[in-house]
């Protein structure tokens, strides 16, 4: 009874962190027109300033692994608190240079949250002997879907970027408080399987690369789905904006389903079959334009793709976390997370280049084929042995 009183699952703080992170990024795109006017930037200056986000994120993600090894359960609350401050800075910027600097800090703290949240989730799974990744990752797309129209309504009511970002910063700060976990990371009576546990192994790099393909596909839908409906099917702006929303809702539902029933299957089996549904869903969205079918079928395709691809990244992160012992787990998670982020980062320009040369429908068809690559990789790559053995 005393041990049960000390330990707690702690998923509330993890879900709050994932939600507040999604709240910022879901509302951010809706704020961009007002922010651009606020800083008086040209299209070129604004586009260059936006590069501050990935330039800040990548080094921060690499550094957060060692930071998590030192701070452990304090890592997530600390980076959330800094992110809360960083959220305010774009609303204060009045020049392109100040805006770029603010976005570099936003990118750095956002990237740190990705690693810290994943490392903390993996630590809680090891500590409490439970599956959390799909449940935690389900919160982000739901928050993003809800945040975008909410911010749009706030803008229409006359709210400034600073006022919107202040509300978001308060929500992030509250999530930092909820993420405080005094029970620590290490599981009682934890034993580590014999043998060295290296941070980088071919299997873990493979996990990162598979996740990168999935995030490449995800960002392609987010950035190009609305354009596909409007250009290929003649949909209006409202219906076009439903494309990424349909995919996000699919992500949310697919992760809940994987959390509910995923334990019946091995992790890589879940990734394999899910990627098949992802390919089928994106193929349906592409063929809808080619066959001049109703746009509703394309939306259904995007939703099916979201459901299918939803468990891939959380499941791979869970497998990676369970493959490492307590000491090396943060660096393992940081490695897989950083590699996967590269796929998300390169997706918009690569899809844009393919669309420019072959047409957007063909480009999205190539993106859909990425699901086949994920399925084949999941079938061929061996599952790592768990590092933690319960007594």
Protein backbone atom coordinates (compact mmCIF):
# COMPACT_ATOMS: atom_id res chain seq x y z
CA UNK A 1 0.00 0.00 0.00
CA UNK A 2 2.82 2.39 0.83
CA UNK A 3 4.49 1.77 -2.58
CA UNK A 4 1.19 2.37 -4.37
CA UNK A 5 0.81 5.67 -2.54
CA UNK A 6 4.25 6.84 -3.66
CA UNK A 7 3.99 5.79 -7.27
CA UNK A 8 1.37 6.95 -9.75
CA UNK A 9 0.99 6.41 -13.52
CA UNK A 10 1.38 10.12 -14.26
CA UNK A 11 -0.30 10.07 -17.69
CA UNK A 12 -2.27 13.25 -16.95
CA UNK A 13 0.86 15.41 -17.06
CA UNK A 14 2.04 13.72 -20.25
CA UNK A 15 -1.31 14.26 -21.98
CA UNK A 16 -1.38 17.88 -20.81
CA UNK A 17 2.09 18.45 -22.26
CA UNK A 18 1.18 16.87 -25.61
CA UNK A 19 -2.04 18.91 -25.70
CA UNK A 20 -0.43 22.27 -24.95
CA UNK A 21 2.27 21.61 -27.57
CA UNK A 22 -0.45 20.80 -30.12
CA UNK A 23 -2.42 23.86 -29.02
CA UNK A 24 0.46 26.15 -29.97
CA UNK A 25 1.20 24.57 -33.34
CA UNK A 26 -2.46 24.13 -34.23
CA UNK A 27 -3.11 27.82 -33.70
CA UNK A 28 0.20 29.04 -35.09
CA UNK A 29 -0.70 28.64 -38.77
CA UNK A 30 -3.92 30.61 -38.23
CA UNK A 31 -1.91 33.47 -36.67
CA UNK A 32 0.64 33.83 -39.46
CA UNK A 33 -1.20 36.42 -41.59
CA UNK A 34 -1.53 38.82 -38.64
CA UNK A 35 2.05 38.20 -37.50
CA UNK A 36 3.35 38.92 -41.01
CA UNK A 37 1.54 42.27 -41.03
CA UNK A 38 2.76 43.04 -37.53
CA UNK A 39 6.45 42.73 -38.40
CA UNK A 40 6.11 44.39 -41.81
CA UNK A 41 7.94 41.61 -43.64
CA UNK A 42 7.99 40.91 -47.36
CA UNK A 43 7.15 37.38 -48.50
CA UNK A 44 10.84 36.59 -48.87
CA UNK A 45 11.75 37.97 -45.44
CA UNK A 46 8.87 36.11 -43.84
CA UNK A 47 9.80 32.83 -45.48
CA UNK A 48 13.42 33.15 -44.41
CA UNK A 49 12.40 34.00 -40.84
CA UNK A 50 10.34 30.79 -40.65
CA UNK A 51 13.55 28.81 -41.13
CA UNK A 52 14.39 29.83 -37.57
CA UNK A 53 12.12 27.05 -36.32
CA UNK A 54 14.03 24.04 -37.75
CA UNK A 55 17.38 25.78 -37.21
CA UNK A 56 16.56 26.01 -33.52
CA UNK A 57 14.88 22.61 -33.23
CA UNK A 58 17.54 20.25 -34.59
CA UNK A 59 20.44 21.14 -32.26
CA UNK A 60 18.05 21.35 -29.31
CA UNK A 61 16.75 17.84 -29.98
CA UNK A 62 20.29 16.47 -30.06
CA UNK A 63 21.17 18.20 -26.79
CA UNK A 64 18.00 17.26 -24.93
CA UNK A 65 19.01 13.59 -24.68
CA UNK A 66 22.06 14.32 -22.48
CA UNK A 67 20.01 16.94 -20.62
CA UNK A 68 17.34 14.34 -19.83
CA UNK A 69 19.97 11.95 -18.49
CA UNK A 70 20.95 14.65 -16.00
CA UNK A 71 17.58 16.18 -15.09
CA UNK A 72 15.51 12.99 -15.57
CA UNK A 73 11.91 13.53 -14.36
CA UNK A 74 12.49 17.29 -14.12
CA UNK A 75 13.28 17.58 -17.85
CA UNK A 76 9.73 17.87 -19.18
CA UNK A 77 8.50 20.53 -16.70
CA UNK A 78 11.65 22.60 -17.28
CA UNK A 79 11.45 22.64 -21.07
CA UNK A 80 7.70 23.29 -20.96
CA UNK A 81 8.29 26.31 -18.72
CA UNK A 82 10.87 27.71 -21.14
CA UNK A 83 8.56 26.98 -24.08
CA UNK A 84 5.81 28.96 -22.33
CA UNK A 85 8.09 32.01 -22.34
CA UNK A 86 9.17 31.37 -25.94
CA UNK A 87 5.52 31.27 -27.05
CA UNK A 88 5.15 34.93 -26.13
CA UNK A 89 8.12 36.23 -28.12
CA UNK A 90 6.68 36.13 -31.68
CA UNK A 91 3.81 38.29 -30.45
CA UNK A 92 6.30 40.93 -29.28
CA UNK A 93 8.42 40.99 -32.45
CA UNK A 94 8.19 44.12 -34.58
CA UNK A 95 10.83 43.37 -37.22
CA UNK A 96 11.77 40.36 -39.37
CA UNK A 97 15.08 39.92 -37.52
CA UNK A 98 13.42 39.94 -34.09
CA UNK A 99 10.80 37.54 -35.42
CA UNK A 100 13.46 35.14 -36.74
CA UNK A 101 15.26 35.19 -33.38
CA UNK A 102 12.00 34.52 -31.56
CA UNK A 103 11.24 31.59 -33.85
CA UNK A 104 14.69 30.11 -33.26
CA UNK A 105 13.89 29.95 -29.54
CA UNK A 106 10.41 28.60 -30.27
CA UNK A 107 11.93 25.90 -32.47
CA UNK A 108 14.58 25.02 -29.88
CA UNK A 109 12.12 24.67 -27.01
CA UNK A 110 9.57 22.88 -29.20
CA UNK A 111 12.20 20.37 -30.32
CA UNK A 112 13.28 19.90 -26.71
CA UNK A 113 9.67 19.14 -25.76
CA UNK A 114 9.43 16.44 -28.41
CA UNK A 115 12.44 14.63 -26.97
CA UNK A 116 11.58 15.31 -23.33
CA UNK A 117 7.98 14.16 -23.75
CA UNK A 118 9.01 10.97 -25.54
CA UNK A 119 11.78 10.23 -23.04
CA UNK A 120 9.43 10.79 -20.12
CA UNK A 121 6.72 8.64 -21.68
CA UNK A 122 9.23 5.83 -22.25
CA UNK A 123 10.44 6.15 -18.67
CA UNK A 124 6.88 5.95 -17.34
CA UNK A 125 6.19 2.88 -19.46
CA UNK A 126 9.27 1.18 -17.98
CA UNK A 127 8.48 2.35 -14.45
CA UNK A 128 4.79 1.49 -14.38
CA UNK A 129 4.72 -1.46 -16.79
CA UNK A 130 2.05 0.12 -19.00
CA UNK A 131 1.58 1.30 -22.59
CA UNK A 132 1.29 5.06 -22.93
CA UNK A 133 2.75 6.28 -26.22
CA UNK A 134 -0.37 6.03 -28.39
CA UNK A 135 -2.57 7.58 -25.71
CA UNK A 136 -0.18 10.48 -25.15
CA UNK A 137 0.42 11.10 -28.86
CA UNK A 138 -3.33 11.06 -29.55
CA UNK A 139 -3.70 14.32 -27.63
CA UNK A 140 -1.59 16.38 -30.04
CA UNK A 141 -3.63 16.06 -33.28
CA UNK A 142 -6.87 16.58 -31.36
CA UNK A 143 -5.51 19.79 -29.82
CA UNK A 144 -4.31 20.98 -33.23
CA UNK A 145 -7.69 20.38 -34.86
CA UNK A 146 -9.46 22.31 -32.10
CA UNK A 147 -6.91 25.13 -31.90
CA UNK A 148 -6.94 26.26 -35.55
CA UNK A 149 -10.62 27.30 -35.81
CA UNK A 150 -10.56 28.68 -32.27
CA UNK A 151 -7.70 31.01 -33.14
CA UNK A 152 -9.47 31.93 -36.37
CA UNK A 153 -12.54 32.97 -34.37
CA UNK A 154 -10.35 34.92 -31.94
CA UNK A 155 -8.75 36.80 -34.84
CA UNK A 156 -12.14 37.55 -36.31
CA UNK A 157 -13.20 38.98 -32.93
CA UNK A 158 -10.21 41.33 -33.01
CA UNK A 159 -7.67 39.50 -30.81
CA UNK A 160 -4.04 40.38 -31.51
CA UNK A 161 -1.27 37.77 -31.91
CA UNK A 162 0.09 38.80 -28.50
CA UNK A 163 -3.28 38.16 -26.81
CA UNK A 164 -3.69 34.77 -28.45
CA UNK A 165 -0.13 33.72 -27.63
CA UNK A 166 -0.56 34.86 -24.03
CA UNK A 167 -3.49 32.46 -23.61
CA UNK A 168 -1.44 29.66 -25.19
CA UNK A 169 1.55 30.46 -22.95
CA UNK A 170 -0.65 30.20 -19.85
CA UNK A 171 -1.92 26.81 -21.03
CA UNK A 172 1.67 25.62 -21.59
CA UNK A 173 2.71 26.88 -18.15
CA UNK A 174 -0.17 24.98 -16.55
CA UNK A 175 0.89 21.83 -18.39
CA UNK A 176 4.40 22.31 -16.97
CA UNK A 177 2.93 22.21 -13.47
CA UNK A 178 0.91 19.10 -14.29
CA UNK A 179 4.04 17.43 -15.71
CA UNK A 180 5.88 17.62 -12.37
CA UNK A 181 6.39 14.03 -11.23
CA UNK A 182 7.99 13.48 -7.83
CA UNK A 183 7.94 9.69 -8.12
CA UNK A 184 10.93 9.71 -10.49
CA UNK A 185 11.74 7.54 -13.47
CA UNK A 186 13.37 4.36 -12.17
CA UNK A 187 11.09 1.39 -11.57
CA UNK A 188 11.38 -0.34 -8.19
CA UNK A 189 13.23 -3.66 -8.35
CA UNK A 190 14.36 -2.85 -11.90
CA UNK A 191 16.90 -5.24 -13.37
CA UNK A 192 18.83 -4.62 -16.56
CA UNK A 193 19.43 -7.41 -19.02
CA UNK A 194 23.14 -8.33 -19.22
CA UNK A 195 25.34 -6.95 -21.98
CA UNK A 196 26.12 -3.45 -23.26
CA UNK A 197 23.27 -1.17 -24.27
CA UNK A 198 24.51 1.23 -26.92
CA UNK A 199 22.65 4.39 -27.81
CA UNK A 200 23.03 3.87 -31.56
CA UNK A 201 22.33 0.50 -33.14
CA UNK A 202 21.29 -0.35 -36.70
CA UNK A 203 17.81 -1.33 -35.49
CA UNK A 204 17.29 1.97 -33.66
CA UNK A 205 18.51 3.96 -36.67
CA UNK A 206 16.07 1.88 -38.72
CA UNK A 207 13.25 2.83 -36.36
CA UNK A 208 14.14 6.49 -36.79
CA UNK A 209 14.19 6.18 -40.58
CA UNK A 210 10.82 4.39 -40.68
CA UNK A 211 9.34 7.08 -38.45
CA UNK A 212 10.89 9.71 -40.74
CA UNK A 213 9.02 8.26 -43.74
CA UNK A 214 5.76 8.32 -41.76
CA UNK A 215 6.29 11.96 -40.74
CA UNK A 216 7.23 12.80 -44.33
CA UNK A 217 3.83 11.47 -45.37
CA UNK A 218 2.07 13.23 -42.51
CA UNK A 219 3.51 16.65 -43.28
CA UNK A 220 2.76 16.19 -46.98
CA UNK A 221 -0.93 15.85 -46.14
CA UNK A 222 -0.84 18.78 -43.71
CA UNK A 223 0.87 21.12 -46.17
CA UNK A 224 -0.54 19.95 -49.51
CA UNK A 225 -3.87 18.25 -48.74
CA UNK A 226 -5.94 21.44 -48.96
CA UNK A 227 -4.20 22.47 -52.19
CA UNK A 228 -4.92 19.02 -53.66
CA UNK A 229 -8.65 19.39 -52.99
CA UNK A 230 -8.85 22.97 -54.26
CA UNK A 231 -6.72 22.52 -57.38
CA UNK A 232 -7.57 18.93 -58.27
CA UNK A 233 -11.25 18.83 -57.31
CA UNK A 234 -12.27 22.47 -57.45
CA UNK A 235 -13.18 22.55 -53.76
CA UNK A 236 -13.59 25.87 -51.99
CA UNK A 237 -11.35 27.10 -49.14
CA UNK A 238 -13.62 25.70 -46.40
CA UNK A 239 -13.79 22.22 -47.88
CA UNK A 240 -10.09 22.34 -48.77
CA UNK A 241 -9.13 23.13 -45.18
CA UNK A 242 -10.96 19.97 -44.11
CA UNK A 243 -8.24 17.80 -45.72
CA UNK A 244 -5.57 18.21 -43.02
CA UNK A 245 -8.31 18.27 -40.37
CA UNK A 246 -9.63 14.91 -41.60
CA UNK A 247 -6.14 13.45 -41.41
CA UNK A 248 -5.62 14.81 -37.88
CA UNK A 249 -8.92 13.37 -36.69
CA UNK A 250 -7.83 10.07 -38.21
CA UNK A 251 -4.56 10.27 -36.27
CA UNK A 252 -6.46 10.88 -33.05
CA UNK A 253 -8.87 7.98 -33.58
CA UNK A 254 -6.16 5.61 -34.81
CA UNK A 255 -3.99 6.20 -31.76
CA UNK A 256 -6.91 5.69 -29.41
CA UNK A 257 -7.69 2.45 -31.23
CA UNK A 258 -4.05 1.34 -30.99
CA UNK A 259 -4.02 2.16 -27.28
CA UNK A 260 -7.25 0.19 -26.77
CA UNK A 261 -6.54 -2.88 -28.88
CA UNK A 262 -2.90 -2.60 -29.95
CA UNK A 263 -1.55 -4.89 -27.25
CA UNK A 264 -3.07 -7.84 -29.12
CA UNK A 265 -0.39 -7.48 -31.79
CA UNK A 266 3.35 -7.01 -31.80
CA UNK A 267 4.51 -3.45 -32.31
CA UNK A 268 6.00 -4.01 -35.76
CA UNK A 269 2.90 -5.92 -36.89
CA UNK A 270 0.83 -2.90 -35.92
CA UNK A 271 3.12 -0.66 -37.96
CA UNK A 272 3.05 -3.03 -40.94
CA UNK A 273 -0.73 -3.35 -41.25
CA UNK A 274 -1.34 0.29 -40.32
CA UNK A 275 0.94 1.50 -43.08
CA UNK A 276 -1.06 -0.60 -45.54
CA UNK A 277 -4.20 1.30 -44.56
CA UNK A 278 -2.24 4.54 -44.80
CA UNK A 279 -1.24 3.78 -48.37
CA UNK A 280 -4.78 2.81 -49.31
CA UNK A 281 -6.20 5.99 -47.79
CA UNK A 282 -3.77 8.31 -49.57
CA UNK A 283 -4.24 6.40 -52.83
CA UNK A 284 -8.00 6.95 -52.55
CA UNK A 285 -7.45 10.69 -52.00
CA UNK A 286 -5.22 10.86 -55.10
CA UNK A 287 -7.47 8.77 -57.35
CA UNK A 288 -10.50 10.84 -56.40
CA UNK A 289 -9.07 13.77 -58.35
CA UNK A 290 -7.97 11.60 -61.28
CA UNK A 291 -11.43 9.99 -61.61
CA UNK A 292 -13.32 13.22 -60.89
CA UNK A 293 -15.10 11.69 -57.90
CA UNK A 294 -16.75 13.66 -55.05
CA UNK A 295 -14.36 15.50 -52.73
CA UNK A 296 -15.93 13.68 -49.77
CA UNK A 297 -14.15 10.52 -50.92
CA UNK A 298 -10.82 12.34 -50.79
CA UNK A 299 -11.58 13.47 -47.25
CA UNK A 300 -12.44 9.89 -46.34
CA UNK A 301 -9.13 8.80 -47.86
CA UNK A 302 -7.18 11.29 -45.77
CA UNK A 303 -9.03 10.13 -42.64
CA UNK A 304 -8.29 6.45 -43.38
CA UNK A 305 -4.64 7.34 -43.97
CA UNK A 306 -4.55 9.05 -40.59
CA UNK A 307 -6.07 6.05 -38.82
CA UNK A 308 -3.63 3.67 -40.49
CA UNK A 309 -0.45 5.67 -39.98
CA UNK A 310 -1.43 6.86 -36.49
CA UNK A 311 0.24 4.16 -34.38
CA UNK A 312 3.50 3.97 -36.35
CA UNK A 313 5.60 6.69 -34.69
CA UNK A 314 4.32 6.15 -31.11
CA UNK A 315 4.78 2.38 -31.43
CA UNK A 316 8.32 2.70 -32.77
CA UNK A 317 9.20 5.09 -29.95
CA UNK A 318 7.77 2.63 -27.44
CA UNK A 319 9.85 -0.22 -28.87
CA UNK A 320 12.96 1.97 -28.82
CA UNK A 321 12.36 3.01 -25.23
CA UNK A 322 11.92 -0.58 -24.07
CA UNK A 323 15.14 -1.62 -25.82
CA UNK A 324 17.28 0.59 -23.57
CA UNK A 325 18.08 0.52 -19.88
CA UNK A 326 17.34 3.39 -17.53
CA UNK A 327 20.67 5.12 -18.12
CA UNK A 328 20.66 5.07 -21.93
CA UNK A 329 16.94 5.46 -22.60
CA UNK A 330 16.96 9.30 -22.94
CA UNK A 331 19.69 9.22 -25.59
CA UNK A 332 17.96 6.39 -27.44
CA UNK A 333 14.70 8.33 -27.57
CA UNK A 334 16.52 11.53 -28.58
CA UNK A 335 18.23 9.69 -31.46
CA UNK A 336 15.03 8.16 -32.86
CA UNK A 337 13.06 11.40 -32.40
CA UNK A 338 15.70 13.53 -34.12
CA UNK A 339 16.05 11.19 -37.11
CA UNK A 340 12.28 11.06 -37.51
CA UNK A 341 12.03 14.87 -37.42
CA UNK A 342 14.21 15.08 -40.52
CA UNK A 343 11.43 13.44 -42.53
CA UNK A 344 8.93 16.02 -41.29
CA UNK A 345 11.37 18.82 -42.08
CA UNK A 346 12.18 17.91 -45.69
CA UNK A 347 8.64 16.94 -46.68
CA UNK A 348 7.22 20.32 -47.84
CA UNK A 349 10.08 21.29 -50.19
CA UNK A 350 10.53 17.76 -51.57
CA UNK A 351 6.81 17.32 -52.29
CA UNK A 352 6.81 20.83 -53.76
CA UNK A 353 9.67 19.95 -56.08
CA UNK A 354 7.92 16.76 -57.21
CA UNK A 355 4.65 18.66 -57.72
CA UNK A 356 6.45 21.24 -59.82
CA UNK A 357 7.94 18.60 -62.09
CA UNK A 358 5.22 15.94 -62.22
CA UNK A 359 2.04 17.54 -60.90
CA UNK A 360 0.63 17.45 -57.37
CA UNK A 361 -1.46 14.30 -57.84
CA UNK A 362 1.59 12.33 -58.99
CA UNK A 363 3.64 13.75 -56.13
CA UNK A 364 1.03 12.65 -53.59
CA UNK A 365 0.96 9.25 -55.27
CA UNK A 366 4.69 8.95 -54.57
CA UNK A 367 3.99 9.97 -50.97
CA UNK A 368 1.36 7.24 -50.72
CA UNK A 369 3.95 4.70 -51.90
CA UNK A 370 5.94 5.60 -48.81
CA UNK A 371 3.48 3.46 -46.86
CA UNK A 372 4.65 0.43 -48.82
CA UNK A 373 8.24 1.26 -47.83
CA UNK A 374 7.16 1.48 -44.19
CA UNK A 375 5.36 -1.87 -44.39
CA UNK A 376 8.32 -3.65 -46.01
CA UNK A 377 10.73 -2.15 -43.48
CA UNK A 378 8.51 -3.18 -40.56
CA UNK A 379 8.38 -6.73 -41.95
CA UNK A 380 12.17 -6.99 -42.35
CA UNK A 381 13.56 -5.16 -39.32
CA UNK A 382 13.98 -7.27 -36.16
CA UNK A 383 12.30 -6.21 -32.95
CA UNK A 384 14.89 -5.32 -30.28
CA UNK A 385 14.94 -7.33 -27.09
CA UNK A 386 13.62 -5.47 -24.03
CA UNK A 387 16.36 -4.17 -21.77
CA UNK A 388 14.39 -4.10 -18.54
CA UNK A 389 13.46 -7.38 -16.87
CA UNK A 390 10.98 -7.31 -13.96
CA UNK A 391 11.78 -9.44 -10.97
